[in-house]
Amino acid sequence: MKILPSVLFLLLISSAIAGGNSIPAVPVPDGLRGEASPRRSDVLRVYTSIGSLQCQGGGVSLTTLQFRLEKAGIRVTAATYGNDGLMRIAVCGASDGKIGIFDISPTQAETARSLGFLPLSELSDGQTSN
C-alpha cells in the first residue's frame, strides 16, 4: 500500500512532462522581464560610503544612514547597498567601495549634499548590489 502514493505521484509528474503544453504559461508582468524600469524624474538617487574596509567589513548600516537623512527632514523612499565601481588594490584595511544608495526627492538634493550624500549620477561606475 505504501507504493501506491509513490506510483501515483510518478504518473502525475510523467503526464505533466509528456503533456508539454498542459501546464498553462503564467504571464510575466511588465517591469519583471529583465527590462530596466524607467527612472522617474521625481526621484533622485544619492549615495555615500558606508565606511567598510577590506578584510574587516564593518561600516555603517543602511538604517543608520537613512536615519541621518530623515533626521534632516529628507524623506527616503528606497534604500539599497551598492558599490562605487572604482578599481582598488587588494589591501586589508583599505576601503572596499561599498556604498549606501537612497532614493529621495530632487528638491532635497542640497540638504543631502550637506550631509555627505552625493547624486549617484556623479559616480560614473556606481552600481547597486541587487
Protein backbone atom coordinates (compact mmCIF):
# COMPACT_ATOMS: atom_id res chain seq x y z
CA MET A 1 0.00 0.00 0.00
CA LYS A 2 2.95 2.38 0.58
CA ILE A 3 3.97 2.04 -3.07
CA LEU A 4 0.63 3.29 -4.43
CA PRO A 5 1.13 7.00 -3.48
CA SER A 6 4.63 6.96 -4.99
CA VAL A 7 3.36 5.38 -8.22
CA LEU A 8 0.50 7.90 -8.46
CA PHE A 9 2.95 10.77 -7.91
CA LEU A 10 5.28 9.48 -10.63
CA LEU A 11 2.33 9.07 -13.02
CA LEU A 12 1.21 12.63 -12.32
CA ILE A 13 4.71 14.01 -12.96
CA SER A 14 5.12 11.88 -16.10
CA SER A 15 1.83 13.06 -17.54
CA ALA A 16 2.72 16.70 -16.86
CA ILE A 17 6.07 16.29 -18.61
CA ALA A 18 4.65 14.33 -21.53
CA GLY A 19 1.76 16.77 -21.97
CA GLY A 20 4.18 19.57 -22.81
CA ASN A 21 1.68 22.41 -23.07
CA SER A 22 -0.66 21.07 -20.42
CA ILE A 23 0.78 23.46 -17.84
CA PRO A 24 -0.54 26.96 -18.59
CA ALA A 25 2.01 29.72 -19.04
CA VAL A 26 1.90 32.44 -16.44
CA PRO A 27 2.19 35.91 -17.96
CA VAL A 28 5.12 37.98 -16.69
CA PRO A 29 4.07 41.47 -15.61
CA ASP A 30 5.74 44.43 -17.31
CA GLY A 31 8.86 45.50 -15.45
CA LEU A 32 9.76 41.93 -14.46
CA ARG A 33 11.00 40.79 -17.85
CA GLY A 34 14.54 41.89 -17.21
CA GLU A 35 13.85 45.29 -18.74
CA ALA A 36 15.21 48.28 -16.91
CA SER A 37 12.38 50.28 -15.42
CA PRO A 38 12.47 53.92 -16.45
CA ARG A 39 13.82 56.31 -13.82
CA ARG A 40 11.17 58.62 -12.52
CA SER A 41 12.01 62.30 -12.65
CA ASP A 42 10.61 62.81 -9.16
CA VAL A 43 13.32 60.62 -7.60
CA LEU A 44 17.00 61.37 -7.08
CA ARG A 45 19.39 58.59 -6.14
CA VAL A 46 22.08 59.69 -3.72
CA TYR A 47 24.93 57.69 -2.22
CA THR A 48 27.56 57.76 0.49
CA SER A 49 30.29 55.35 1.58
CA ILE A 50 29.28 53.01 4.36
CA GLY A 51 32.89 53.06 5.61
CA SER A 52 33.55 49.33 5.47
CA LEU A 53 37.09 48.06 4.96
CA GLN A 54 38.69 45.17 3.10
CA CYS A 55 39.30 42.09 5.30
CA GLN A 56 37.45 43.78 8.17
CA GLY A 57 33.97 44.67 6.93
CA GLY A 58 32.23 46.93 9.39
CA GLY A 59 30.89 50.28 8.38
CA VAL A 60 27.53 51.92 8.97
CA SER A 61 24.21 50.18 8.32
CA LEU A 62 21.64 51.43 5.79
CA THR A 63 19.25 52.03 8.67
CA THR A 64 21.71 54.38 10.37
CA LEU A 65 22.40 56.27 7.14
CA GLN A 66 18.69 56.54 6.39
CA PHE A 67 18.10 57.87 9.90
CA ARG A 68 20.67 60.64 9.23
CA LEU A 69 18.74 61.69 6.13
CA GLU A 70 15.35 61.53 7.83
CA LYS A 71 16.62 63.45 10.88
CA ALA A 72 17.48 66.29 8.46
CA GLY A 73 13.91 66.19 7.08
CA ILE A 74 14.69 64.16 3.94
CA ARG A 75 12.11 61.51 3.09
CA VAL A 76 13.73 58.27 1.84
CA THR A 77 11.57 56.16 -0.49
CA ALA A 78 14.08 53.32 -1.10
CA ALA A 79 17.46 52.19 0.19
CA THR A 80 19.96 49.60 -1.00
CA TYR A 81 23.63 48.73 -0.83
CA GLY A 82 25.89 49.23 -3.82
CA ASN A 83 29.48 49.60 -4.92
CA ASP A 84 31.28 52.69 -6.15
CA GLY A 85 32.75 50.71 -9.07
CA LEU A 86 36.25 52.08 -8.57
CA MET A 87 39.27 49.84 -9.01
CA ARG A 88 41.31 49.36 -5.84
CA ILE A 89 44.36 47.45 -4.81
CA ALA A 90 43.57 44.50 -2.55
CA VAL A 91 44.93 45.59 0.82
CA CYS A 92 43.48 44.79 4.21
CA GLY A 93 42.27 47.93 5.94
CA ALA A 94 41.63 49.91 2.73
CA SER A 95 38.14 50.93 1.62
CA ASP A 96 36.13 48.19 -0.08
CA GLY A 97 33.96 50.61 -2.08
CA LYS A 98 30.61 49.65 -0.55
CA ILE A 99 28.05 52.45 -0.61
CA GLY A 100 24.55 53.09 0.61
CA ILE A 101 22.14 54.28 -2.10
CA PHE A 102 18.94 56.17 -1.27
CA ASP A 103 16.02 57.47 -3.34
CA ILE A 104 14.97 60.96 -2.28
CA SER A 105 13.15 63.95 -3.74
CA PRO A 106 15.31 66.08 -6.09
CA THR A 107 14.22 69.15 -4.13
CA GLN A 108 16.21 67.84 -1.15
CA ALA A 109 19.49 67.37 -3.05
CA GLU A 110 21.32 70.27 -1.40
CA THR A 111 20.38 69.17 2.10
CA ALA A 112 21.56 65.65 1.29
CA ARG A 113 24.81 67.01 -0.17
CA SER A 114 25.47 68.97 3.03
CA LEU A 115 25.26 65.63 4.90
CA GLY A 116 27.75 63.96 2.51
CA PHE A 117 25.23 62.22 0.21
CA LEU A 118 26.04 62.87 -3.45
CA PRO A 119 23.94 62.17 -6.56
CA LEU A 120 24.62 58.64 -7.85
CA SER A 121 24.74 60.13 -11.37
CA GLU A 122 28.06 61.78 -10.40
CA LEU A 123 29.59 58.34 -9.77
CA SER A 124 30.29 57.04 -13.28
CA ASP A 125 30.66 53.34 -12.37
CA GLY A 126 28.47 53.17 -9.27
CA GLN A 127 26.00 50.32 -9.14
CA THR A 128 23.51 48.69 -6.81
CA SER A 129 24.25 45.29 -5.33
CA ASN A 130 20.80 43.95 -6.24
